[in-house]
Amino acid sequence: AILTSTGDADILFLVQDFMMMGFVILIFWIFMRGHTETAAYLLLTALSLVSSFLFAPDVLNRAMIIFVFPIMLASFVLNVSCSFMFASLSTLGYTVYYFVNLEQITYPYNYFAVFVFFLTALISWLVAYFLKRANREVTGAYEKTLEGWARALELRDDETNGHSKRVVELTEQLARKFKRPEEELVNLRSGVLLQDIGKCGIPDHILLN
């Protein structure tokens, strides 16, 4: 039997649905294997490049907001400057779709939307940059406080002078050898610095015996 145009469209939508489900499963599988950054790159890249193909040409101009989401998320989920890369990808995806379907599109190329893409990238970059800088300052102050506690503990026992610092260095070397993520090193460093916190409650005549 010869498929009608409606039947062809139904089959096309069905194929698209299966492809989308397969891609989502692939992203989830990569994420569950611990490759979080790779999964995020793939998902945001797909949203930037393929989003336009999810809409009919006559409604795409009213659905431009869909391109903004990966641009906004990139600076917070990935590297701070990644928003500019995804603004470029969104522009590329929109431009390719526009000229591929030029015969069906009745509205002019949306230069304002492209401007909004890069404006969003700039705002996202600025917000993420200042948030990460503030987070680094808070983390640095927290680590300095822990180091102060560790030095105060060592002042009570000259025999263990520099002990906490040496243990921190050895622990970091071991963690990097086992390829642990940098995020875990912060918690490891904190735990090692406070390993002798129990000395605070031990009288000097017992501790120095």
Protein backbone atom coordinates (compact mmCIF):
# COMPACT_ATOMS: atom_id res chain seq x y z
CA ALA A 1 0.00 0.00 0.00
CA ILE A 2 1.17 3.49 -0.83
CA LEU A 3 1.53 5.65 2.27
CA THR A 4 -0.42 8.90 2.31
CA SER A 5 1.23 12.18 3.25
CA THR A 6 -0.42 11.91 6.67
CA GLY A 7 0.94 8.41 7.11
CA ASP A 8 4.40 9.57 6.08
CA ALA A 9 4.27 12.32 8.67
CA ASP A 10 3.14 9.87 11.37
CA ILE A 11 6.03 7.55 10.57
CA LEU A 12 8.47 10.47 10.61
CA PHE A 13 7.25 11.59 14.03
CA LEU A 14 7.47 8.02 15.31
CA VAL A 15 11.07 7.71 14.12
CA GLN A 16 11.89 11.03 15.76
CA ASP A 17 10.36 9.86 19.04
CA PHE A 18 12.40 6.65 19.02
CA MET A 19 15.59 8.55 18.20
CA MET A 20 14.90 10.99 21.02
CA MET A 21 14.23 8.18 23.49
CA GLY A 22 17.43 6.43 22.42
CA PHE A 23 19.42 9.63 22.87
CA VAL A 24 17.97 10.23 26.35
CA ILE A 25 18.82 6.66 27.35
CA LEU A 26 22.36 7.14 26.04
CA ILE A 27 22.76 10.37 28.06
CA PHE A 28 21.44 8.63 31.18
CA TRP A 29 23.83 5.69 30.66
CA ILE A 30 26.82 8.03 30.29
CA PHE A 31 25.73 9.96 33.39
CA MET A 32 25.34 6.79 35.48
CA ARG A 33 28.88 5.72 34.52
CA GLY A 34 30.20 8.85 36.20
CA HIS A 35 30.87 10.93 33.07
CA THR A 36 28.69 13.82 34.21
CA GLU A 37 30.47 16.52 32.20
CA THR A 38 30.33 14.49 28.98
CA ALA A 39 26.61 13.86 29.46
CA ALA A 40 26.01 17.58 30.05
CA TYR A 41 27.99 18.55 26.92
CA LEU A 42 26.04 16.08 24.76
CA LEU A 43 22.65 17.12 26.12
CA LEU A 44 23.23 20.86 25.80
CA THR A 45 24.79 20.47 22.35
CA ALA A 46 21.77 18.49 21.18
CA LEU A 47 19.40 21.12 22.58
CA SER A 48 21.33 23.86 20.81
CA LEU A 49 21.62 22.22 17.40
CA VAL A 50 18.50 20.07 17.11
CA SER A 51 15.84 22.08 18.98
CA SER A 52 14.79 23.95 15.84
CA PHE A 53 14.04 20.68 14.02
CA LEU A 54 11.43 19.82 16.67
CA PHE A 55 9.16 22.63 15.46
CA ALA A 56 7.33 23.28 12.23
CA PRO A 57 8.81 26.15 10.20
CA ASP A 58 5.76 28.37 10.68
CA VAL A 59 5.95 28.23 14.52
CA LEU A 60 9.74 28.28 15.03
CA ASN A 61 9.86 32.07 15.32
CA ARG A 62 7.53 31.84 18.35
CA ALA A 63 9.56 29.06 19.98
CA MET A 64 12.97 30.77 20.05
CA ILE A 65 12.98 30.67 23.86
CA ILE A 66 13.93 26.98 23.67
CA PHE A 67 17.41 28.00 22.46
CA VAL A 68 18.02 30.15 25.53
CA PHE A 69 17.96 27.30 28.06
CA PRO A 70 21.23 25.56 27.07
CA ILE A 71 22.94 28.96 26.85
CA MET A 72 21.87 29.86 30.39
CA LEU A 73 22.72 26.45 31.85
CA ALA A 74 26.15 26.07 30.22
CA SER A 75 28.00 28.59 32.41
CA PHE A 76 26.68 27.00 35.60
CA VAL A 77 26.81 23.31 34.69
CA LEU A 78 30.06 23.39 32.68
CA ASN A 79 32.88 25.91 32.33
CA VAL A 80 32.04 29.57 33.00
CA SER A 81 32.73 30.64 29.40
CA CYS A 82 30.78 27.76 27.79
CA SER A 83 27.68 29.93 27.38
CA PHE A 84 29.32 31.66 24.40
CA MET A 85 30.00 28.33 22.72
CA PHE A 86 26.37 27.26 23.09
CA ALA A 87 25.15 30.67 21.90
CA SER A 88 27.15 30.02 18.73
CA LEU A 89 25.73 26.50 18.42
CA SER A 90 22.18 27.77 18.90
CA THR A 91 22.76 30.39 16.21
CA LEU A 92 24.15 27.70 13.90
CA GLY A 93 21.20 25.38 14.51
CA TYR A 94 18.67 28.16 13.91
CA THR A 95 20.47 29.43 10.79
CA VAL A 96 20.76 25.98 9.19
CA TYR A 97 17.08 25.22 9.86
CA TYR A 98 16.00 28.64 8.55
CA PHE A 99 17.77 28.32 5.21
CA VAL A 100 16.91 24.63 4.77
CA ASN A 101 13.21 25.51 5.11
CA LEU A 102 13.42 28.91 3.44
CA GLU A 103 10.62 28.11 0.98
CA GLN A 104 8.16 27.38 3.80
CA ILE A 105 9.16 30.26 6.07
CA THR A 106 7.30 33.54 5.63
CA TYR A 107 9.10 35.68 8.21
CA PRO A 108 12.56 37.29 7.94
CA TYR A 109 15.69 35.96 9.65
CA ASN A 110 15.46 36.79 13.35
CA TYR A 111 18.62 38.84 13.98
CA PHE A 112 17.19 40.08 17.28
CA ALA A 113 16.95 36.50 18.57
CA VAL A 114 20.61 35.92 17.72
CA PHE A 115 21.49 39.12 19.60
CA VAL A 116 19.50 37.81 22.59
CA PHE A 117 21.44 34.52 22.44
CA PHE A 118 24.77 36.28 22.91
CA LEU A 119 23.36 38.77 25.42
CA THR A 120 22.11 35.81 27.47
CA ALA A 121 25.55 34.21 27.17
CA LEU A 122 27.20 37.38 28.45
CA ILE A 123 24.82 37.70 31.42
CA SER A 124 25.19 34.00 32.28
CA TRP A 125 28.97 34.28 32.10
CA LEU A 126 29.03 37.31 34.40
CA VAL A 127 26.69 35.77 36.97
CA ALA A 128 28.52 32.41 36.97
CA TYR A 129 31.93 34.11 37.15
CA PHE A 130 31.06 36.19 40.22
CA LEU A 131 29.27 33.28 41.91
CA LYS A 132 32.26 30.98 41.42
CA ARG A 133 34.67 33.66 42.61
CA ALA A 134 32.59 34.20 45.75
CA ASN A 135 32.47 30.44 46.27
CA ARG A 136 36.27 30.22 45.97
CA GLU A 137 36.66 32.99 48.54
CA VAL A 138 34.32 31.25 50.99
CA THR A 139 36.07 27.91 50.44
CA GLY A 140 39.47 29.56 50.91
CA ALA A 141 38.37 31.18 54.17
CA TYR A 142 36.98 27.83 55.36
CA GLU A 143 40.26 26.05 54.58
CA LYS A 144 42.30 28.79 56.29
CA THR A 145 40.14 28.35 59.39
CA LEU A 146 40.77 24.60 59.38
CA GLU A 147 44.50 25.14 58.89
CA GLY A 148 44.46 27.52 61.85
CA TRP A 149 42.81 24.87 64.00
CA ALA A 150 45.38 22.30 62.88
CA ARG A 151 48.30 24.61 63.72
CA ALA A 152 46.76 25.40 67.10
CA LEU A 153 46.55 21.69 67.86
CA GLU A 154 50.18 21.15 66.84
CA LEU A 155 51.34 23.91 69.19
CA ARG A 156 50.35 21.71 72.11
CA ASP A 157 52.67 18.93 70.94
CA ASP A 158 56.01 19.85 69.36
CA GLU A 159 56.65 16.26 68.30
CA THR A 160 53.81 16.41 65.77
CA ASN A 161 54.82 19.76 64.27
CA GLY A 162 53.89 19.79 60.55
CA HIS A 163 52.14 16.44 60.86
CA SER A 164 48.77 17.63 59.51
CA LYS A 165 50.37 19.33 56.51
CA ARG A 166 52.36 16.22 55.61
CA VAL A 167 49.30 13.99 55.91
CA VAL A 168 47.26 16.39 53.71
CA GLU A 169 49.95 16.29 50.99
CA LEU A 170 50.19 12.48 51.08
CA THR A 171 46.39 12.12 51.03
CA GLU A 172 46.07 14.42 48.01
CA GLN A 173 48.79 12.52 46.15
CA LEU A 174 47.04 9.22 46.86
CA ALA A 175 43.62 10.59 45.84
CA ARG A 176 45.00 11.93 42.55
CA LYS A 177 46.72 8.60 41.90
CA PHE A 178 43.32 6.94 42.14
CA LYS A 179 41.90 9.71 39.88
CA ARG A 180 39.40 11.03 42.37
CA PRO A 181 37.59 14.22 41.26
CA GLU A 182 38.83 17.57 42.54
CA GLU A 183 35.52 18.14 44.37
CA GLU A 184 36.31 15.22 46.68
CA LEU A 185 39.75 16.60 47.53
CA VAL A 186 38.15 19.52 49.38
CA ASN A 187 36.35 17.17 51.77
CA LEU A 188 39.41 14.93 52.11
CA ARG A 189 41.60 17.92 52.95
CA SER A 190 39.11 19.08 55.58
CA GLY A 191 38.90 15.65 57.18
CA VAL A 192 42.67 15.22 57.31
CA LEU A 193 43.25 18.66 58.81
CA LEU A 194 40.84 17.83 61.64
CA GLN A 195 42.05 14.28 62.24
CA ASP A 196 43.58 15.26 65.58
CA ILE A 197 40.71 17.43 66.76
CA GLY A 198 40.26 15.06 69.70
CA LYS A 199 43.45 16.48 71.22
CA CYS A 200 41.44 19.51 72.34
CA GLY A 201 39.79 17.45 75.06
CA ILE A 202 42.92 15.67 76.29
CA PRO A 203 44.76 17.25 79.28
CA ASP A 204 48.40 18.22 78.70
CA HIS A 205 49.73 15.82 81.31
CA ILE A 206 48.27 12.90 79.31
CA LEU A 207 48.93 14.26 75.81
CA LEU A 208 52.59 15.08 76.50
CA ASN A 209 53.32 11.98 78.50
